[in-house]
C-alpha atoms as a PDB file:
ATOM      1  CA  MET A   1     -55.998   5.958  90.594  1.00  0.00           C
ATOM      2  CA  LYS A   2     -59.594   6.255  91.751  1.00  0.00           C
ATOM      3  CA  LEU A   3     -62.496   5.277  89.493  1.00  0.00           C
ATOM      4  CA  LEU A   4     -66.088   6.278  90.193  1.00  0.00           C
ATOM      5  CA  LEU A   5     -68.261   3.422  88.909  1.00  0.00           C
ATOM      6  CA  THR A   6     -72.038   3.850  88.700  1.00  0.00           C
ATOM      7  CA  GLY A   7     -75.092   1.809  87.736  1.00  0.00           C
ATOM      8  CA  PHE A   8     -78.845   2.419  87.628  1.00  0.00           C
ATOM      9  CA  ASP A   9     -81.798   1.087  89.571  1.00  0.00           C
ATOM     10  CA  PRO A  10     -84.492  -0.955  87.751  1.00  0.00           C
ATOM     11  CA  PHE A  11     -86.911   0.851  85.448  1.00  0.00           C
ATOM     12  CA  GLY A  12     -89.668   0.187  82.958  1.00  0.00           C
ATOM     13  CA  GLY A  13     -91.316  -2.480  85.103  1.00  0.00           C
ATOM     14  CA  GLU A  14     -88.148  -4.543  85.569  1.00  0.00           C
ATOM     15  CA  THR A  15     -87.172  -5.865  88.996  1.00  0.00           C
ATOM     16  CA  VAL A  16     -83.432  -5.884  88.309  1.00  0.00           C
ATOM     17  CA  ASN A  17     -80.965  -3.682  86.475  1.00  0.00           C
ATOM     18  CA  PRO A  18     -77.825  -5.573  85.433  1.00  0.00           C
ATOM     19  CA  SER A  19     -75.773  -2.379  85.373  1.00  0.00           C
ATOM     20  CA  TRP A  20     -76.051  -1.958  89.142  1.00  0.00           C
ATOM     21  CA  GLU A  21     -75.877  -5.685  89.825  1.00  0.00           C
ATOM     22  CA  ALA A  22     -72.562  -5.795  87.979  1.00  0.00           C
ATOM     23  CA  VAL A  23     -71.227  -2.754  89.836  1.00  0.00           C
ATOM     24  CA  CYS A  24     -72.138  -4.332  93.178  1.00  0.00           C
ATOM     25  CA  ARG A  25     -70.184  -7.477  92.306  1.00  0.00           C
ATOM     26  CA  MET A  26     -67.003  -5.652  91.367  1.00  0.00           C
ATOM     27  CA  PRO A  27     -64.117  -5.739  93.840  1.00  0.00           C
ATOM     28  CA  ASP A  28     -62.970  -2.539  95.481  1.00  0.00           C
ATOM     29  CA  ARG A  29     -59.700  -2.699  93.550  1.00  0.00           C
ATOM     30  CA  VAL A  30     -58.716  -3.959  90.095  1.00  0.00           C
ATOM     31  CA  GLU A  31     -54.935  -3.849  89.698  1.00  0.00           C
ATOM     32  CA  ASN A  32     -53.988  -0.160  90.083  1.00  0.00           C
ATOM     33  CA  VAL A  33     -57.608   1.056  90.088  1.00  0.00           C
ATOM     34  CA  ARG A  34     -59.430   1.775  93.341  1.00  0.00           C
ATOM     35  CA  ILE A  35     -63.187   1.625  92.740  1.00  0.00           C
ATOM     36  CA  VAL A  36     -65.906   3.633  94.459  1.00  0.00           C
ATOM     37  CA  LYS A  37     -69.496   2.698  93.623  1.00  0.00           C
ATOM     38  CA  ARG A  38     -72.679   4.724  93.406  1.00  0.00           C
ATOM     39  CA  LEU A  39     -76.270   3.875  92.505  1.00  0.00           C
ATOM     40  CA  LEU A  40     -77.977   6.371  90.209  1.00  0.00           C
ATOM     41  CA  PRO A  41     -81.775   6.667  90.057  1.00  0.00           C
ATOM     42  CA  THR A  42     -83.342   6.196  86.632  1.00  0.00           C
ATOM     43  CA  SER A  43     -84.545   9.781  86.744  1.00  0.00           C
ATOM     44  CA  PHE A  44     -83.540  12.618  84.463  1.00  0.00           C
ATOM     45  CA  ALA A  45     -83.372  15.122  87.316  1.00  0.00           C
ATOM     46  CA  ARG A  46     -82.166  13.019  90.228  1.00  0.00           C
ATOM     47  CA  SER A  47     -79.519  11.083  88.293  1.00  0.00           C
ATOM     48  CA  ALA A  48     -77.709  14.299  87.452  1.00  0.00           C
ATOM     49  CA  GLU A  49     -77.896  15.524  91.046  1.00  0.00           C
ATOM     50  CA  THR A  50     -76.621  12.218  92.423  1.00  0.00           C
ATOM     51  CA  LEU A  51     -73.798  12.059  89.900  1.00  0.00           C
ATOM     52  CA  ARG A  52     -72.612  15.602  90.604  1.00  0.00           C
ATOM     53  CA  ALA A  53     -72.666  14.941  94.350  1.00  0.00           C
ATOM     54  CA  ALA A  54     -70.529  11.829  93.846  1.00  0.00           C
ATOM     55  CA  LEU A  55     -68.062  13.741  91.682  1.00  0.00           C
ATOM     56  CA  ASP A  56     -67.697  16.440  94.327  1.00  0.00           C
ATOM     57  CA  GLY A  57     -67.520  13.996  97.218  1.00  0.00           C
ATOM     58  CA  GLU A  58     -65.086  11.489  95.742  1.00  0.00           C
ATOM     59  CA  SER A  59     -62.849  13.585  93.446  1.00  0.00           C
ATOM     60  CA  PRO A  60     -62.138  10.615  91.157  1.00  0.00           C
ATOM     61  CA  ASP A  61     -59.497  10.434  88.451  1.00  0.00           C
ATOM     62  CA  ALA A  62     -61.964   8.799  86.061  1.00  0.00           C
ATOM     63  CA  VAL A  63     -65.660   7.969  85.874  1.00  0.00           C
ATOM     64  CA  LEU A  64     -67.399   5.058  84.166  1.00  0.00           C
ATOM     65  CA  CYS A  65     -71.193   4.971  84.253  1.00  0.00           C
ATOM     66  CA  LEU A  66     -73.071   1.796  83.331  1.00  0.00           C
ATOM     67  CA  GLY A  67     -76.586   1.362  82.020  1.00  0.00           C
ATOM     68  CA  GLN A  68     -78.905  -1.340  80.709  1.00  0.00           C
ATOM     69  CA  ALA A  69     -79.648  -1.645  77.007  1.00  0.00           C
ATOM     70  CA  GLY A  70     -81.997  -4.536  76.404  1.00  0.00           C
ATOM     71  CA  GLY A  71     -81.579  -5.993  72.937  1.00  0.00           C
ATOM     72  CA  ARG A  72     -77.874  -5.218  72.681  1.00  0.00           C
ATOM     73  CA  THR A  73     -75.801  -8.268  71.841  1.00  0.00           C
ATOM     74  CA  GLY A  74     -72.743  -7.469  73.911  1.00  0.00           C
ATOM     75  CA  LEU A  75     -71.044  -4.944  76.142  1.00  0.00           C
ATOM     76  CA  THR A  76     -70.908  -1.599  74.389  1.00  0.00           C
ATOM     77  CA  PRO A  77     -68.694   1.293  75.479  1.00  0.00           C
ATOM     78  CA  GLU A  78     -70.250   4.495  74.175  1.00  0.00           C
ATOM     79  CA  ARG A  79     -68.354   6.929  71.981  1.00  0.00           C
ATOM     80  CA  VAL A  80     -70.672   9.952  72.134  1.00  0.00           C
ATOM     81  CA  ALA A  81     -73.478  11.608  74.115  1.00  0.00           C
ATOM     82  CA  ILE A  82     -75.893  14.051  72.460  1.00  0.00           C
ATOM     83  CA  ASN A  83     -77.615  17.089  73.930  1.00  0.00           C
ATOM     84  CA  VAL A  84     -81.201  15.840  73.829  1.00  0.00           C
ATOM     85  CA  ASP A  85     -83.685  14.067  76.075  1.00  0.00           C
ATOM     86  CA  ASP A  86     -86.352  12.221  74.091  1.00  0.00           C
ATOM     87  CA  ALA A  87     -87.934   9.475  76.170  1.00  0.00           C
ATOM     88  CA  ARG A  88     -89.897   6.562  74.732  1.00  0.00           C
ATOM     89  CA  ILE A  89     -91.124   5.716  78.253  1.00  0.00           C
ATOM     90  CA  PRO A  90     -91.349   7.773  81.465  1.00  0.00           C
ATOM     91  CA  ASP A  91     -88.458   7.695  83.896  1.00  0.00           C
ATOM     92  CA  ASN A  92     -88.970   6.476  87.455  1.00  0.00           C
ATOM     93  CA  ASP A  93     -90.386   9.875  88.416  1.00  0.00           C
ATOM     94  CA  GLY A  94     -92.979   9.718  85.641  1.00  0.00           C
ATOM     95  CA  VAL A  95     -91.132  12.323  83.583  1.00  0.00           C
ATOM     96  CA  GLN A  96     -91.082  11.846  79.793  1.00  0.00           C
ATOM     97  CA  PRO A  97     -89.316  14.698  77.980  1.00  0.00           C
ATOM     98  CA  VAL A  98     -89.617  14.998  74.216  1.00  0.00           C
ATOM     99  CA  ASP A  99     -86.995  16.801  72.123  1.00  0.00           C
ATOM    100  CA  MET A 100     -85.624  18.691  75.140  1.00  0.00           C
ATOM    101  CA  PRO A 101     -82.029  19.908  75.384  1.00  0.00           C
ATOM    102  CA  ILE A 102     -80.113  18.590  78.366  1.00  0.00           C
ATOM    103  CA  VAL A 103     -78.081  21.791  78.661  1.00  0.00           C
ATOM    104  CA  PRO A 104     -79.658  24.764  76.856  1.00  0.00           C
ATOM    105  CA  ASP A 105     -77.012  26.326  74.604  1.00  0.00           C
ATOM    106  CA  GLY A 106     -74.645  23.456  75.443  1.00  0.00           C
ATOM    107  CA  PRO A 107     -72.571  21.692  72.788  1.00  0.00           C
ATOM    108  CA  ALA A 108     -74.500  19.378  70.488  1.00  0.00           C
ATOM    109  CA  ALA A 109     -72.440  16.411  71.667  1.00  0.00           C
ATOM    110  CA  TYR A 110     -69.502  15.266  73.750  1.00  0.00           C
ATOM    111  CA  PHE A 111     -67.134  12.416  72.986  1.00  0.00           C
ATOM    112  CA  ALA A 112     -66.129  10.056  75.788  1.00  0.00           C
ATOM    113  CA  THR A 113     -62.669  10.725  77.139  1.00  0.00           C
ATOM    114  CA  LEU A 114     -62.115   7.200  78.445  1.00  0.00           C
ATOM    115  CA  PRO A 115     -60.155   4.809  76.174  1.00  0.00           C
ATOM    116  CA  VAL A 116     -63.305   3.287  74.663  1.00  0.00           C
ATOM    117  CA  ARG A 117     -61.505   1.447  71.857  1.00  0.00           C
ATOM    118  CA  ALA A 118     -59.069  -0.168  74.279  1.00  0.00           C
ATOM    119  CA  MET A 119     -61.959  -1.055  76.597  1.00  0.00           C
ATOM    120  CA  THR A 120     -63.803  -2.764  73.754  1.00  0.00           C
ATOM    121  CA  GLU A 121     -60.735  -4.719  72.699  1.00  0.00           C
ATOM    122  CA  ALA A 122     -60.014  -5.765  76.290  1.00  0.00           C
ATOM    123  CA  ILE A 123     -63.525  -7.176  76.657  1.00  0.00           C
ATOM    124  CA  ARG A 124     -63.207  -9.076  73.391  1.00  0.00           C
ATOM    125  CA  ALA A 125     -59.876 -10.465  74.560  1.00  0.00           C
ATOM    126  CA  GLU A 126     -61.811 -12.123  77.377  1.00  0.00           C
ATOM    127  CA  GLY A 127     -63.846 -13.975  74.760  1.00  0.00           C
ATOM    128  CA  LEU A 128     -66.943 -11.874  75.357  1.00  0.00           C
ATOM    129  CA  PRO A 129     -69.033 -10.017  72.754  1.00  0.00           C
ATOM    130  CA  ALA A 130     -68.391  -6.291  72.687  1.00  0.00           C
ATOM    131  CA  GLY A 131     -68.666  -3.402  70.273  1.00  0.00           C
ATOM    132  CA  LEU A 132     -67.932   0.299  70.249  1.00  0.00           C
ATOM    133  CA  SER A 133     -71.314   2.042  70.123  1.00  0.00           C
ATOM    134  CA  ASN A 134     -72.039   5.377  68.483  1.00  0.00           C
ATOM    135  CA  THR A 135     -75.396   5.953  70.161  1.00  0.00           C
ATOM    136  CA  ALA A 136     -76.181   6.057  73.861  1.00  0.00           C
ATOM    137  CA  GLY A 137     -79.859   6.609  73.052  1.00  0.00           C
ATOM    138  CA  THR A 138     -81.904   9.556  74.288  1.00  0.00           C
ATOM    139  CA  PHE A 139     -83.107   8.226  77.651  1.00  0.00           C
ATOM    140  CA  VAL A 140     -81.508   8.614  81.093  1.00  0.00           C
ATOM    141  CA  CYS A 141     -78.304   6.794  80.062  1.00  0.00           C
ATOM    142  CA  ASN A 142     -77.474   9.386  77.422  1.00  0.00           C
ATOM    143  CA  HIS A 143     -78.586  12.127  79.822  1.00  0.00           C
ATOM    144  CA  VAL A 144     -76.122  10.942  82.470  1.00  0.00           C
ATOM    145  CA  MET A 145     -73.302  10.563  79.966  1.00  0.00           C
ATOM    146  CA  TYR A 146     -73.860  14.072  78.618  1.00  0.00           C
ATOM    147  CA  VAL A 147     -74.142  15.612  82.101  1.00  0.00           C
ATOM    148  CA  LEU A 148     -70.977  13.787  83.155  1.00  0.00           C
ATOM    149  CA  LEU A 149     -68.917  14.939  80.198  1.00  0.00           C
ATOM    150  CA  HIS A 150     -70.297  18.479  80.332  1.00  0.00           C
ATOM    151  CA  THR A 151     -69.492  18.730  84.042  1.00  0.00           C
ATOM    152  CA  LEU A 152     -65.985  17.363  83.543  1.00  0.00           C
ATOM    153  CA  ALA A 153     -65.366  19.734  80.641  1.00  0.00           C
ATOM    154  CA  GLN A 154     -66.632  22.776  82.539  1.00  0.00           C
ATOM    155  CA  GLU A 155     -65.491  22.126  86.093  1.00  0.00           C
ATOM    156  CA  LYS A 156     -63.147  19.163  86.492  1.00  0.00           C
ATOM    157  CA  ARG A 157     -60.664  19.285  83.678  1.00  0.00           C
ATOM    158  CA  GLY A 158     -58.288  16.346  83.624  1.00  0.00           C
ATOM    159  CA  VAL A 159     -60.864  13.837  84.888  1.00  0.00           C
ATOM    160  CA  GLN A 160     -61.779  11.319  82.189  1.00  0.00           C
ATOM    161  CA  GLY A 161     -65.286   9.992  81.771  1.00  0.00           C
ATOM    162  CA  GLY A 162     -67.457   7.682  79.759  1.00  0.00           C
ATOM    163  CA  PHE A 163     -70.371   5.275  79.655  1.00  0.00           C
ATOM    164  CA  MET A 164     -70.928   1.612  78.852  1.00  0.00           C
ATOM    165  CA  HIS A 165     -74.157  -0.262  78.176  1.00  0.00           C
ATOM    166  CA  VAL A 166     -74.696  -3.845  79.283  1.00  0.00           C
ATOM    167  CA  PRO A 167     -77.289  -6.260  77.870  1.00  0.00           C
ATOM    168  CA  PHE A 168     -80.117  -8.018  79.654  1.00  0.00           C
ATOM    169  CA  VAL A 169     -79.338 -10.832  82.054  1.00  0.00           C
ATOM    170  CA  PRO A 170     -81.143 -14.119  81.299  1.00  0.00           C
ATOM    171  CA  GLU A 171     -83.998 -13.600  83.784  1.00  0.00           C
ATOM    172  CA  GLN A 172     -85.004 -10.403  81.950  1.00  0.00           C
ATOM    173  CA  ALA A 173     -84.855 -11.616  78.381  1.00  0.00           C
ATOM    174  CA  ALA A 174     -87.809 -12.910  76.400  1.00  0.00           C
ATOM    175  CA  PRO A 175     -87.226 -15.940  74.157  1.00  0.00           C
ATOM    176  CA  GLY A 176     -84.991 -15.021  71.256  1.00  0.00           C
ATOM    177  CA  VAL A 177     -83.634 -11.873  72.937  1.00  0.00           C
ATOM    178  CA  PHE A 178     -79.891 -11.802  73.647  1.00  0.00           C
ATOM    179  CA  SER A 179     -78.818 -11.940  77.267  1.00  0.00           C
ATOM    180  CA  MET A 180     -75.533 -12.347  79.115  1.00  0.00           C
ATOM    181  CA  PRO A 181     -74.990 -14.086  82.455  1.00  0.00           C
ATOM    182  CA  LEU A 182     -74.116 -11.624  85.192  1.00  0.00           C
ATOM    183  CA  PRO A 183     -70.703 -13.218  85.903  1.00  0.00           C
ATOM    184  CA  ASP A 184     -69.765 -12.603  82.261  1.00  0.00           C
ATOM    185  CA  ILE A 185     -70.872  -8.975  82.496  1.00  0.00           C
ATOM    186  CA  VAL A 186     -68.689  -8.582  85.594  1.00  0.00           C
ATOM    187  CA  ARG A 187     -65.776 -10.235  83.785  1.00  0.00           C
ATOM    188  CA  GLY A 188     -66.170  -7.863  80.850  1.00  0.00           C
ATOM    189  CA  LEU A 189     -66.467  -4.872  83.161  1.00  0.00           C
ATOM    190  CA  THR A 190     -63.297  -5.947  84.955  1.00  0.00           C
ATOM    191  CA  ALA A 191     -61.473  -6.069  81.613  1.00  0.00           C
ATOM    192  CA  ALA A 192     -62.743  -2.580  80.741  1.00  0.00           C
ATOM    193  CA  VAL A 193     -61.652  -1.202  84.116  1.00  0.00           C
ATOM    194  CA  THR A 194     -58.224  -2.790  83.674  1.00  0.00           C
ATOM    195  CA  ALA A 195     -57.899  -1.050  80.302  1.00  0.00           C
ATOM    196  CA  ILE A 196     -58.827   2.265  81.914  1.00  0.00           C
ATOM    197  CA  GLY A 197     -56.178   1.746  84.572  1.00  0.00           C
ATOM    198  CA  LYS A 198     -53.518   1.006  81.976  1.00  0.00           C
ATOM    199  CA  ALA A 199     -54.417   4.083  79.937  1.00  0.00           C
ATOM    200  CA  ILE A 200     -54.702   6.545  82.796  1.00  0.00           C
ATOM    201  CA  GLY A 201     -52.458   4.965  85.396  1.00  0.00           C
END
């Protein structure tokens, strides 16, 4: 099976985004899963365009998008995306929507179709902190997850999709803020991808 795996570029004044760093360090194959990688811009408009182009160009069997969530204390597969953009800070294009629907008249929310519970358990089995999250936020991460699931539901039925947040890496974290070494993030991501491969085959 083919998995489209994405991460974001740095945002909010950071010089690194561990989501993309982890994607870059993944092998091109994990057991039965062939991985194709794409960088998404931290931009409400351009992330959606880039994601749709990758979906059309690669025709994957499944899609897992990664994003950074500073302050999280583990790897967190996301259960649900909601139909709202409400940005605390501007994106990398200087855009800062407030209470804006992602898809006018679209469903209020979409649930991930990847095996998020199995992914969480697989990460924990590696001895790494993980939890199933019920909020992807309202910034570009949630935007991408919603656009992904809406596109799959409307146009590419049978393709499974989802999102996972990763915490800060140590060089980003202020004292007292949780961080995870990049090799551990990659190890957890590998476990999650393995679980996807077992579920979808």
